[in-house]
Amino acid sequence: WPCVLIAESDQNKTRTILPVAEGGLGMQAQWADDFHHALHTLLTGE
């Protein structure tokens, strides 16, 4: 059965999720904080 690895990282580094064969670290997914920050500032003005 699948075993998924999801990375939390604030580096905006695509290497985290690229396949190992392509020089990546091989995670299946990662958090993307920029989406939250862009949305939050528009909603709150902070």
All heavy atoms as atom14 arrays in JSON, in Angstrom:
{
  "sequence": "WPCVLIAESDQNKTRTILPVAEGGLGMQAQWADDFHHALHTLLTGE",
  "atom14_mask": [
    [1, 1, 1, 1, 1, 1, 1, 1, 1, 1, 1, 1, 1, 1],
    [1, 1, 1, 1, 1, 1, 1, 0, 0, 0, 0, 0, 0, 0],
    [1, 1, 1, 1, 1, 1, 0, 0, 0, 0, 0, 0, 0, 0],
    [1, 1, 1, 1, 1, 1, 1, 0, 0, 0, 0, 0, 0, 0],
    [1, 1, 1, 1, 1, 1, 1, 1, 0, 0, 0, 0, 0, 0],
    [1, 1, 1, 1, 1, 1, 1, 1, 0, 0, 0, 0, 0, 0],
    [1, 1, 1, 1, 1, 0, 0, 0, 0, 0, 0, 0, 0, 0],
    [1, 1, 1, 1, 1, 1, 1, 1, 1, 0, 0, 0, 0, 0],
    [1, 1, 1, 1, 1, 1, 0, 0, 0, 0, 0, 0, 0, 0],
    [1, 1, 1, 1, 1, 1, 1, 1, 0, 0, 0, 0, 0, 0],
    [1, 1, 1, 1, 1, 1, 1, 1, 1, 0, 0, 0, 0, 0],
    [1, 1, 1, 1, 1, 1, 1, 1, 0, 0, 0, 0, 0, 0],
    [1, 1, 1, 1, 1, 1, 1, 1, 1, 0, 0, 0, 0, 0],
    [1, 1, 1, 1, 1, 1, 1, 0, 0, 0, 0, 0, 0, 0],
    [1, 1, 1, 1, 1, 1, 1, 1, 1, 1, 1, 0, 0, 0],
    [1, 1, 1, 1, 1, 1, 1, 0, 0, 0, 0, 0, 0, 0],
    [1, 1, 1, 1, 1, 1, 1, 1, 0, 0, 0, 0, 0, 0],
    [1, 1, 1, 1, 1, 1, 1, 1, 0, 0, 0, 0, 0, 0],
    [1, 1, 1, 1, 1, 1, 1, 0, 0, 0, 0, 0, 0, 0],
    [1, 1, 1, 1, 1, 1, 1, 0, 0, 0, 0, 0, 0, 0],
    [1, 1, 1, 1, 1, 0, 0, 0, 0, 0, 0, 0, 0, 0],
    [1, 1, 1, 1, 1, 1, 1, 1, 1, 0, 0, 0, 0, 0],
    [1, 1, 1, 1, 0, 0, 0, 0, 0, 0, 0, 0, 0, 0],
    [1, 1, 1, 1, 0, 0, 0, 0, 0, 0, 0, 0, 0, 0],
    [1, 1, 1, 1, 1, 1, 1, 1, 0, 0, 0, 0, 0, 0],
    [1, 1, 1, 1, 0, 0, 0, 0, 0, 0, 0, 0, 0, 0],
    [1, 1, 1, 1, 1, 1, 1, 1, 0, 0, 0, 0, 0, 0],
    [1, 1, 1, 1, 1, 1, 1, 1, 1, 0, 0, 0, 0, 0],
    [1, 1, 1, 1, 1, 0, 0, 0, 0, 0, 0, 0, 0, 0],
    [1, 1, 1, 1, 1, 1, 1, 1, 1, 0, 0, 0, 0, 0],
    [1, 1, 1, 1, 1, 1, 1, 1, 1, 1, 1, 1, 1, 1],
    [1, 1, 1, 1, 1, 0, 0, 0, 0, 0, 0, 0, 0, 0],
    [1, 1, 1, 1, 1, 1, 1, 1, 0, 0, 0, 0, 0, 0],
    [1, 1, 1, 1, 1, 1, 1, 1, 0, 0, 0, 0, 0, 0],
    [1, 1, 1, 1, 1, 1, 1, 1, 1, 1, 1, 0, 0, 0],
    [1, 1, 1, 1, 1, 1, 1, 1, 1, 1, 0, 0, 0, 0],
    [1, 1, 1, 1, 1, 1, 1, 1, 1, 1, 0, 0, 0, 0],
    [1, 1, 1, 1, 1, 0, 0, 0, 0, 0, 0, 0, 0, 0],
    [1, 1, 1, 1, 1, 1, 1, 1, 0, 0, 0, 0, 0, 0],
    [1, 1, 1, 1, 1, 1, 1, 1, 1, 1, 0, 0, 0, 0],
    [1, 1, 1, 1, 1, 1, 1, 0, 0, 0, 0, 0, 0, 0],
    [1, 1, 1, 1, 1, 1, 1, 1, 0, 0, 0, 0, 0, 0],
    [1, 1, 1, 1, 1, 1, 1, 1, 0, 0, 0, 0, 0, 0],
    [1, 1, 1, 1, 1, 1, 1, 0, 0, 0, 0, 0, 0, 0],
    [1, 1, 1, 1, 0, 0, 0, 0, 0, 0, 0, 0, 0, 0],
    [1, 1, 1, 1, 1, 1, 1, 1, 1, 0, 0, 0, 0, 0]
  ],
  "atom14_positions": [
    [[0.85, -1.2, 0.0], [0.0, 0.0, 0.0], [0.89, 1.25, 0.0], [2.06, 1.19, 0.39], [-0.97, 0.02, 1.18], [-0.36, 0.01, 2.56], [0.29, 1.02, 3.2], [-0.38, -1.08, 3.5], [0.67, 0.66, 4.46], [0.28, -0.63, 4.67], [-0.89, -2.38, 3.47], [0.44, -1.45, 5.79], [-0.73, -3.19, 4.59], [-0.07, -2.73, 5.73]],
    [[0.35, 2.4, -0.45], [1.17, 3.61, -0.52], [1.61, 4.1, 0.86], [0.89, 3.94, 1.85], [0.23, 4.63, -1.18], [-0.82, 3.82, -1.84], [-0.99, 2.59, -0.99], [0.0, 0.0, 0.0], [0.0, 0.0, 0.0], [0.0, 0.0, 0.0], [0.0, 0.0, 0.0], [0.0, 0.0, 0.0], [0.0, 0.0, 0.0], [0.0, 0.0, 0.0]],
    [[2.8, 4.66, 0.91], [3.32, 5.29, 2.13], [3.78, 6.69, 1.71], [4.81, 6.84, 1.06], [4.47, 4.5, 2.71], [4.06, 2.81, 3.21], [0.0, 0.0, 0.0], [0.0, 0.0, 0.0], [0.0, 0.0, 0.0], [0.0, 0.0, 0.0], [0.0, 0.0, 0.0], [0.0, 0.0, 0.0], [0.0, 0.0, 0.0], [0.0, 0.0, 0.0]],
    [[3.0, 7.71, 2.08], [3.19, 9.06, 1.57], [4.02, 9.89, 2.54], [3.79, 9.85, 3.76], [1.82, 9.74, 1.34], [2.0, 11.17, 0.88], [1.0, 8.94, 0.33], [0.0, 0.0, 0.0], [0.0, 0.0, 0.0], [0.0, 0.0, 0.0], [0.0, 0.0, 0.0], [0.0, 0.0, 0.0], [0.0, 0.0, 0.0], [0.0, 0.0, 0.0]],
    [[4.96, 10.65, 2.02], [5.76, 11.58, 2.82], [5.45, 13.0, 2.37], [5.59, 13.33, 1.2], [7.25, 11.3, 2.66], [7.76, 9.94, 3.17], [9.23, 9.76, 2.82], [7.55, 9.81, 4.67], [0.0, 0.0, 0.0], [0.0, 0.0, 0.0], [0.0, 0.0, 0.0], [0.0, 0.0, 0.0], [0.0, 0.0, 0.0], [0.0, 0.0, 0.0]],
    [[5.02, 13.84, 3.33], [4.68, 15.24, 3.05], [5.62, 16.11, 3.87], [5.65, 16.01, 5.1], [3.22, 15.55, 3.4], [2.28, 14.64, 2.62], [2.9, 17.01, 3.13], [0.82, 14.77, 3.03], [0.0, 0.0, 0.0], [0.0, 0.0, 0.0], [0.0, 0.0, 0.0], [0.0, 0.0, 0.0], [0.0, 0.0, 0.0], [0.0, 0.0, 0.0]],
    [[6.38, 16.95, 3.22], [7.36, 17.79, 3.9], [6.78, 19.16, 4.24], [6.09, 19.76, 3.41], [8.6, 17.97, 3.03], [0.0, 0.0, 0.0], [0.0, 0.0, 0.0], [0.0, 0.0, 0.0], [0.0, 0.0, 0.0], [0.0, 0.0, 0.0], [0.0, 0.0, 0.0], [0.0, 0.0, 0.0], [0.0, 0.0, 0.0], [0.0, 0.0, 0.0]],
    [[7.06, 19.62, 5.44], [6.83, 21.03, 5.74], [8.17, 21.74, 5.58], [9.17, 21.36, 6.19], [6.33, 21.25, 7.17], [6.01, 22.71, 7.45], [6.22, 23.15, 8.89], [6.74, 22.36, 9.7], [5.87, 24.3, 9.2], [0.0, 0.0, 0.0], [0.0, 0.0, 0.0], [0.0, 0.0, 0.0], [0.0, 0.0, 0.0], [0.0, 0.0, 0.0]],
    [[8.19, 22.75, 4.75], [9.42, 23.5, 4.51], [9.06, 24.93, 4.14], [8.08, 25.16, 3.43], [10.23, 22.87, 3.39], [11.34, 23.68, 3.05], [0.0, 0.0, 0.0], [0.0, 0.0, 0.0], [0.0, 0.0, 0.0], [0.0, 0.0, 0.0], [0.0, 0.0, 0.0], [0.0, 0.0, 0.0], [0.0, 0.0, 0.0], [0.0, 0.0, 0.0]],
    [[9.85, 25.88, 4.61], [9.59, 27.29, 4.26], [10.57, 27.79, 3.2], [10.71, 28.99, 2.98], [9.66, 28.17, 5.51], [11.06, 28.25, 6.12], [12.0, 27.62, 5.59], [11.23, 28.96, 7.13], [0.0, 0.0, 0.0], [0.0, 0.0, 0.0], [0.0, 0.0, 0.0], [0.0, 0.0, 0.0], [0.0, 0.0, 0.0], [0.0, 0.0, 0.0]],
    [[11.25, 26.86, 2.52], [12.32, 27.25, 1.6], [11.87, 27.41, 0.15], [12.67, 27.82, -0.69], [13.46, 26.23, 1.67], [14.16, 26.22, 3.03], [15.27, 25.18, 3.07], [15.18, 24.12, 2.48], [16.33, 25.5, 3.79], [0.0, 0.0, 0.0], [0.0, 0.0, 0.0], [0.0, 0.0, 0.0], [0.0, 0.0, 0.0], [0.0, 0.0, 0.0]],
    [[10.62, 27.06, -0.17], [10.16, 27.13, -1.57], [11.15, 26.41, -2.49], [11.54, 26.92, -3.54], [10.0, 28.58, -2.02], [8.74, 29.21, -1.47], [8.15, 28.71, -0.53], [8.33, 30.33, -2.03], [0.0, 0.0, 0.0], [0.0, 0.0, 0.0], [0.0, 0.0, 0.0], [0.0, 0.0, 0.0], [0.0, 0.0, 0.0], [0.0, 0.0, 0.0]],
    [[11.53, 25.2, -2.08], [12.54, 24.45, -2.8], [11.88, 23.26, -3.49], [11.41, 22.32, -2.83], [13.62, 23.97, -1.83], [14.79, 23.27, -2.48], [15.73, 22.67, -1.44], [16.4, 23.74, -0.6], [17.39, 23.14, 0.34], [0.0, 0.0, 0.0], [0.0, 0.0, 0.0], [0.0, 0.0, 0.0], [0.0, 0.0, 0.0], [0.0, 0.0, 0.0]],
    [[11.86, 23.27, -4.82], [11.22, 22.17, -5.55], [12.01, 20.87, -5.44], [11.47, 19.79, -5.64], [11.04, 22.52, -7.03], [12.3, 22.93, -7.58], [10.03, 23.63, -7.2], [0.0, 0.0, 0.0], [0.0, 0.0, 0.0], [0.0, 0.0, 0.0], [0.0, 0.0, 0.0], [0.0, 0.0, 0.0], [0.0, 0.0, 0.0], [0.0, 0.0, 0.0]],
    [[13.3, 20.96, -5.1], [14.09, 19.74, -4.93], [13.46, 18.8, -3.93], [13.61, 17.58, -4.01], [15.51, 20.11, -4.49], [16.43, 18.89, -4.4], [17.76, 19.21, -3.75], [18.54, 17.99, -3.6], [19.46, 17.83, -2.66], [19.73, 18.79, -1.8], [20.14, 16.68, -2.58], [0.0, 0.0, 0.0], [0.0, 0.0, 0.0], [0.0, 0.0, 0.0]],
    [[12.74, 19.35, -2.97], [12.12, 18.52, -1.93], [11.21, 17.46, -2.52], [11.15, 16.33, -2.02], [11.32, 19.41, -0.96], [12.18, 20.42, -0.42], [10.73, 18.6, 0.18], [0.0, 0.0, 0.0], [0.0, 0.0, 0.0], [0.0, 0.0, 0.0], [0.0, 0.0, 0.0], [0.0, 0.0, 0.0], [0.0, 0.0, 0.0], [0.0, 0.0, 0.0]],
    [[10.5, 17.8, -3.59], [9.49, 16.88, -4.13], [9.88, 16.29, -5.48], [9.12, 15.5, -6.03], [8.12, 17.57, -4.24], [8.21, 18.85, -5.05], [7.54, 17.81, -2.86], [6.88, 19.5, -5.36], [0.0, 0.0, 0.0], [0.0, 0.0, 0.0], [0.0, 0.0, 0.0], [0.0, 0.0, 0.0], [0.0, 0.0, 0.0], [0.0, 0.0, 0.0]],
    [[11.03, 16.67, -6.0], [11.46, 16.06, -7.26], [11.91, 14.62, -6.99], [12.43, 14.3, -5.91], [12.61, 16.85, -7.88], [12.25, 18.22, -8.47], [13.5, 18.91, -9.0], [11.2, 18.08, -9.56], [0.0, 0.0, 0.0], [0.0, 0.0, 0.0], [0.0, 0.0, 0.0], [0.0, 0.0, 0.0], [0.0, 0.0, 0.0], [0.0, 0.0, 0.0]],
    [[11.74, 13.72, -7.95], [12.2, 12.33, -7.78], [13.7, 12.27, -7.53], [14.46, 13.13, -7.99], [11.83, 11.67, -9.11], [10.76, 12.53, -9.69], [11.07, 13.92, -9.24], [0.0, 0.0, 0.0], [0.0, 0.0, 0.0], [0.0, 0.0, 0.0], [0.0, 0.0, 0.0], [0.0, 0.0, 0.0], [0.0, 0.0, 0.0], [0.0, 0.0, 0.0]],
    [[14.12, 11.25, -6.81], [15.54, 11.07, -6.52], [16.34, 10.96, -7.82], [17.45, 11.49, -7.93], [15.75, 9.81, -5.64], [17.23, 9.49, -5.49], [15.1, 10.01, -4.26], [0.0, 0.0, 0.0], [0.0, 0.0, 0.0], [0.0, 0.0, 0.0], [0.0, 0.0, 0.0], [0.0, 0.0, 0.0], [0.0, 0.0, 0.0], [0.0, 0.0, 0.0]],
    [[15.78, 10.29, -8.83], [16.46, 10.12, -10.1], [16.73, 11.45, -10.81], [17.6, 11.54, -11.67], [15.65, 9.21, -11.02], [0.0, 0.0, 0.0], [0.0, 0.0, 0.0], [0.0, 0.0, 0.0], [0.0, 0.0, 0.0], [0.0, 0.0, 0.0], [0.0, 0.0, 0.0], [0.0, 0.0, 0.0], [0.0, 0.0, 0.0], [0.0, 0.0, 0.0]],
    [[15.99, 12.5, -10.42], [16.18, 13.83, -11.0], [16.95, 14.76, -10.06], [16.95, 15.97, -10.23], [14.83, 14.44, -11.36], [14.05, 13.64, -12.42], [12.69, 14.24, -12.7], [12.46, 15.42, -12.36], [11.84, 13.52, -13.26], [0.0, 0.0, 0.0], [0.0, 0.0, 0.0], [0.0, 0.0, 0.0], [0.0, 0.0, 0.0], [0.0, 0.0, 0.0]],
    [[17.57, 14.18, -9.03], [18.34, 14.98, -8.09], [17.52, 15.53, -6.95], [18.01, 16.38, -6.19], [0.0, 0.0, 0.0], [0.0, 0.0, 0.0], [0.0, 0.0, 0.0], [0.0, 0.0, 0.0], [0.0, 0.0, 0.0], [0.0, 0.0, 0.0], [0.0, 0.0, 0.0], [0.0, 0.0, 0.0], [0.0, 0.0, 0.0], [0.0, 0.0, 0.0]],
    [[16.29, 15.05, -6.8], [15.42, 15.53, -5.73], [15.52, 14.67, -4.48], [16.27, 13.69, -4.42], [0.0, 0.0, 0.0], [0.0, 0.0, 0.0], [0.0, 0.0, 0.0], [0.0, 0.0, 0.0], [0.0, 0.0, 0.0], [0.0, 0.0, 0.0], [0.0, 0.0, 0.0], [0.0, 0.0, 0.0], [0.0, 0.0, 0.0], [0.0, 0.0, 0.0]],
    [[14.74, 15.04, -3.48], [14.7, 14.3, -2.22], [13.61, 13.24, -2.2], [13.59, 12.39, -1.31], [14.52, 15.26, -1.04], [15.64, 16.27, -0.83], [15.32, 17.19, 0.35], [16.98, 15.58, -0.62], [0.0, 0.0, 0.0], [0.0, 0.0, 0.0], [0.0, 0.0, 0.0], [0.0, 0.0, 0.0], [0.0, 0.0, 0.0], [0.0, 0.0, 0.0]],
    [[12.66, 13.32, -3.14], [11.71, 12.23, -3.3], [10.47, 12.28, -2.43], [9.73, 11.3, -2.37], [0.0, 0.0, 0.0], [0.0, 0.0, 0.0], [0.0, 0.0, 0.0], [0.0, 0.0, 0.0], [0.0, 0.0, 0.0], [0.0, 0.0, 0.0], [0.0, 0.0, 0.0], [0.0, 0.0, 0.0], [0.0, 0.0, 0.0], [0.0, 0.0, 0.0]],
    [[10.2, 13.43, -1.78], [8.94, 13.55, -1.04], [7.77, 13.59, -2.03], [7.91, 14.12, -3.13], [8.91, 14.82, -0.19], [10.06, 15.0, 0.79], [10.04, 13.89, 2.19], [11.43, 12.83, 1.74], [0.0, 0.0, 0.0], [0.0, 0.0, 0.0], [0.0, 0.0, 0.0], [0.0, 0.0, 0.0], [0.0, 0.0, 0.0], [0.0, 0.0, 0.0]],
    [[6.61, 13.06, -1.62], [5.45, 13.08, -2.52], [4.79, 14.46, -2.58], [4.16, 14.81, -3.58], [4.41, 12.04, -2.1], [4.72, 10.63, -2.56], [5.65, 9.91, -1.61], [6.09, 10.49, -0.63], [5.93, 8.66, -1.88], [0.0, 0.0, 0.0], [0.0, 0.0, 0.0], [0.0, 0.0, 0.0], [0.0, 0.0, 0.0], [0.0, 0.0, 0.0]],
    [[4.88, 15.23, -1.5], [4.23, 16.54, -1.47], [4.91, 17.41, -0.42], [5.67, 16.92, 0.42], [2.73, 16.4, -1.16], [0.0, 0.0, 0.0], [0.0, 0.0, 0.0], [0.0, 0.0, 0.0], [0.0, 0.0, 0.0], [0.0, 0.0, 0.0], [0.0, 0.0, 0.0], [0.0, 0.0, 0.0], [0.0, 0.0, 0.0], [0.0, 0.0, 0.0]],
    [[4.62, 18.71, -0.48], [5.11, 19.62, 0.55], [4.12, 20.75, 0.77], [3.3, 21.06, -0.1], [6.47, 20.2, 0.17], [6.48, 21.13, -1.04], [7.86, 21.73, -1.28], [8.44, 22.38, -0.41], [8.39, 21.49, -2.48], [0.0, 0.0, 0.0], [0.0, 0.0, 0.0], [0.0, 0.0, 0.0], [0.0, 0.0, 0.0], [0.0, 0.0, 0.0]],
    [[4.18, 21.33, 1.95], [3.35, 22.49, 2.26], [3.85, 23.67, 1.43], [5.04, 23.83, 1.22], [3.42, 22.82, 3.75], [2.58, 21.93, 4.62], [2.21, 20.65, 4.35], [2.02, 22.26, 5.88], [1.45, 20.16, 5.38], [1.32, 21.12, 6.34], [2.05, 23.39, 6.68], [0.64, 21.09, 7.56], [1.38, 23.36, 7.91], [0.68, 22.23, 8.32]],
    [[2.92, 24.52, 1.0], [3.25, 25.73, 0.23], [2.65, 26.92, 0.97], [1.48, 27.26, 0.78], [2.72, 25.63, -1.19], [0.0, 0.0, 0.0], [0.0, 0.0, 0.0], [0.0, 0.0, 0.0], [0.0, 0.0, 0.0], [0.0, 0.0, 0.0], [0.0, 0.0, 0.0], [0.0, 0.0, 0.0], [0.0, 0.0, 0.0], [0.0, 0.0, 0.0]],
    [[3.46, 27.55, 1.82], [2.97, 28.62, 2.69], [2.62, 29.9, 1.94], [1.82, 30.71, 2.43], [4.0, 28.95, 3.77], [4.06, 27.9, 4.87], [3.12, 27.07, 4.95], [5.03, 27.89, 5.64], [0.0, 0.0, 0.0], [0.0, 0.0, 0.0], [0.0, 0.0, 0.0], [0.0, 0.0, 0.0], [0.0, 0.0, 0.0], [0.0, 0.0, 0.0]],
    [[3.21, 30.12, 0.76], [2.96, 31.38, 0.05], [1.48, 31.55, -0.26], [0.97, 32.69, -0.26], [3.76, 31.41, -1.25], [5.23, 31.76, -1.03], [5.65, 31.81, 0.15], [5.95, 31.95, -2.02], [0.0, 0.0, 0.0], [0.0, 0.0, 0.0], [0.0, 0.0, 0.0], [0.0, 0.0, 0.0], [0.0, 0.0, 0.0], [0.0, 0.0, 0.0]],
    [[0.79, 30.46, -0.55], [-0.65, 30.56, -0.82], [-1.37, 31.13, 0.39], [-2.18, 32.06, 0.29], [-1.22, 29.19, -1.19], [-2.7, 29.22, -1.51], [-3.13, 29.37, -2.82], [-3.66, 29.1, -0.51], [-4.5, 29.41, -3.11], [-5.02, 29.14, -0.8], [-5.43, 29.3, -2.1], [0.0, 0.0, 0.0], [0.0, 0.0, 0.0], [0.0, 0.0, 0.0]],
    [[-1.07, 30.58, 1.57], [-1.7, 31.09, 2.79], [-1.38, 32.56, 3.0], [-2.27, 33.37, 3.28], [-1.23, 30.3, 4.01], [-1.59, 30.95, 5.32], [-0.79, 31.88, 5.92], [-2.69, 30.83, 6.1], [-1.38, 32.32, 7.03], [-2.53, 31.69, 7.16], [0.0, 0.0, 0.0], [0.0, 0.0, 0.0], [0.0, 0.0, 0.0], [0.0, 0.0, 0.0]],
    [[-0.1, 32.92, 2.87], [0.3, 34.3, 3.16], [-0.36, 35.28, 2.2], [-0.81, 36.37, 2.61], [1.82, 34.43, 3.07], [2.57, 33.56, 4.04], [1.99, 32.95, 5.12], [3.89, 33.2, 4.07], [2.9, 32.26, 5.79], [4.05, 32.4, 5.17], [0.0, 0.0, 0.0], [0.0, 0.0, 0.0], [0.0, 0.0, 0.0], [0.0, 0.0, 0.0]],
    [[-0.43, 34.91, 0.92], [-1.07, 35.79, -0.06], [-2.54, 35.97, 0.26], [-3.09, 37.08, 0.19], [-0.89, 35.22, -1.46], [0.0, 0.0, 0.0], [0.0, 0.0, 0.0], [0.0, 0.0, 0.0], [0.0, 0.0, 0.0], [0.0, 0.0, 0.0], [0.0, 0.0, 0.0], [0.0, 0.0, 0.0], [0.0, 0.0, 0.0], [0.0, 0.0, 0.0]],
    [[-3.22, 34.87, 0.6], [-4.65, 34.93, 0.92], [-4.88, 35.69, 2.22], [-5.78, 36.55, 2.31], [-5.2, 33.51, 1.01], [-6.68, 33.36, 1.36], [-7.56, 34.06, 0.33], [-7.05, 31.88, 1.48], [0.0, 0.0, 0.0], [0.0, 0.0, 0.0], [0.0, 0.0, 0.0], [0.0, 0.0, 0.0], [0.0, 0.0, 0.0], [0.0, 0.0, 0.0]],
    [[-4.09, 35.39, 3.24], [-4.3, 36.0, 4.57], [-4.14, 37.51, 4.52], [-4.94, 38.24, 5.14], [-3.3, 35.39, 5.55], [-3.45, 35.89, 6.96], [-4.24, 35.25, 7.9], [-2.93, 36.97, 7.6], [-4.2, 35.91, 9.03], [-3.41, 36.96, 8.88], [0.0, 0.0, 0.0], [0.0, 0.0, 0.0], [0.0, 0.0, 0.0], [0.0, 0.0, 0.0]],
    [[-3.13, 38.0, 3.83], [-2.92, 39.45, 3.8], [-4.05, 40.16, 3.07], [-4.43, 41.28, 3.45], [-1.57, 39.78, 3.13], [-1.48, 39.09, 1.88], [-0.42, 39.36, 4.01], [0.0, 0.0, 0.0], [0.0, 0.0, 0.0], [0.0, 0.0, 0.0], [0.0, 0.0, 0.0], [0.0, 0.0, 0.0], [0.0, 0.0, 0.0], [0.0, 0.0, 0.0]],
    [[-4.6, 39.54, 2.02], [-5.73, 40.16, 1.33], [-6.97, 40.19, 2.21], [-7.76, 41.15, 2.17], [-6.04, 39.39, 0.05], [-4.99, 39.47, -1.06], [-5.38, 38.57, -2.22], [-4.82, 40.92, -1.53], [0.0, 0.0, 0.0], [0.0, 0.0, 0.0], [0.0, 0.0, 0.0], [0.0, 0.0, 0.0], [0.0, 0.0, 0.0], [0.0, 0.0, 0.0]],
    [[-7.15, 39.18, 3.03], [-8.33, 39.11, 3.89], [-8.23, 40.02, 5.1], [-9.22, 40.63, 5.52], [-8.54, 37.67, 4.37], [-8.93, 36.65, 3.3], [-8.77, 35.23, 3.85], [-10.37, 36.87, 2.84], [0.0, 0.0, 0.0], [0.0, 0.0, 0.0], [0.0, 0.0, 0.0], [0.0, 0.0, 0.0], [0.0, 0.0, 0.0], [0.0, 0.0, 0.0]],
    [[-7.03, 40.13, 5.68], [-6.88, 40.83, 6.96], [-6.21, 42.19, 6.84], [-6.36, 43.03, 7.74], [-6.05, 39.99, 7.94], [-4.71, 39.87, 7.43], [-6.65, 38.6, 8.12], [0.0, 0.0, 0.0], [0.0, 0.0, 0.0], [0.0, 0.0, 0.0], [0.0, 0.0, 0.0], [0.0, 0.0, 0.0], [0.0, 0.0, 0.0], [0.0, 0.0, 0.0]],
    [[-5.45, 42.4, 5.78], [-4.68, 43.64, 5.67], [-3.41, 43.64, 6.49], [-2.67, 44.63, 6.49], [0.0, 0.0, 0.0], [0.0, 0.0, 0.0], [0.0, 0.0, 0.0], [0.0, 0.0, 0.0], [0.0, 0.0, 0.0], [0.0, 0.0, 0.0], [0.0, 0.0, 0.0], [0.0, 0.0, 0.0], [0.0, 0.0, 0.0], [0.0, 0.0, 0.0]],
    [[-3.1, 42.54, 7.17], [-1.9, 42.48, 7.99], [-0.66, 42.44, 7.1], [-0.62, 41.71, 6.12], [-1.93, 41.25, 8.9], [-3.04, 41.3, 9.93], [-3.09, 40.07, 10.82], [-2.37, 39.09, 10.53], [-3.84, 40.08, 11.81], [0.0, 0.0, 0.0], [0.0, 0.0, 0.0], [0.0, 0.0, 0.0], [0.0, 0.0, 0.0], [0.0, 0.0, 0.0]]
  ]
}
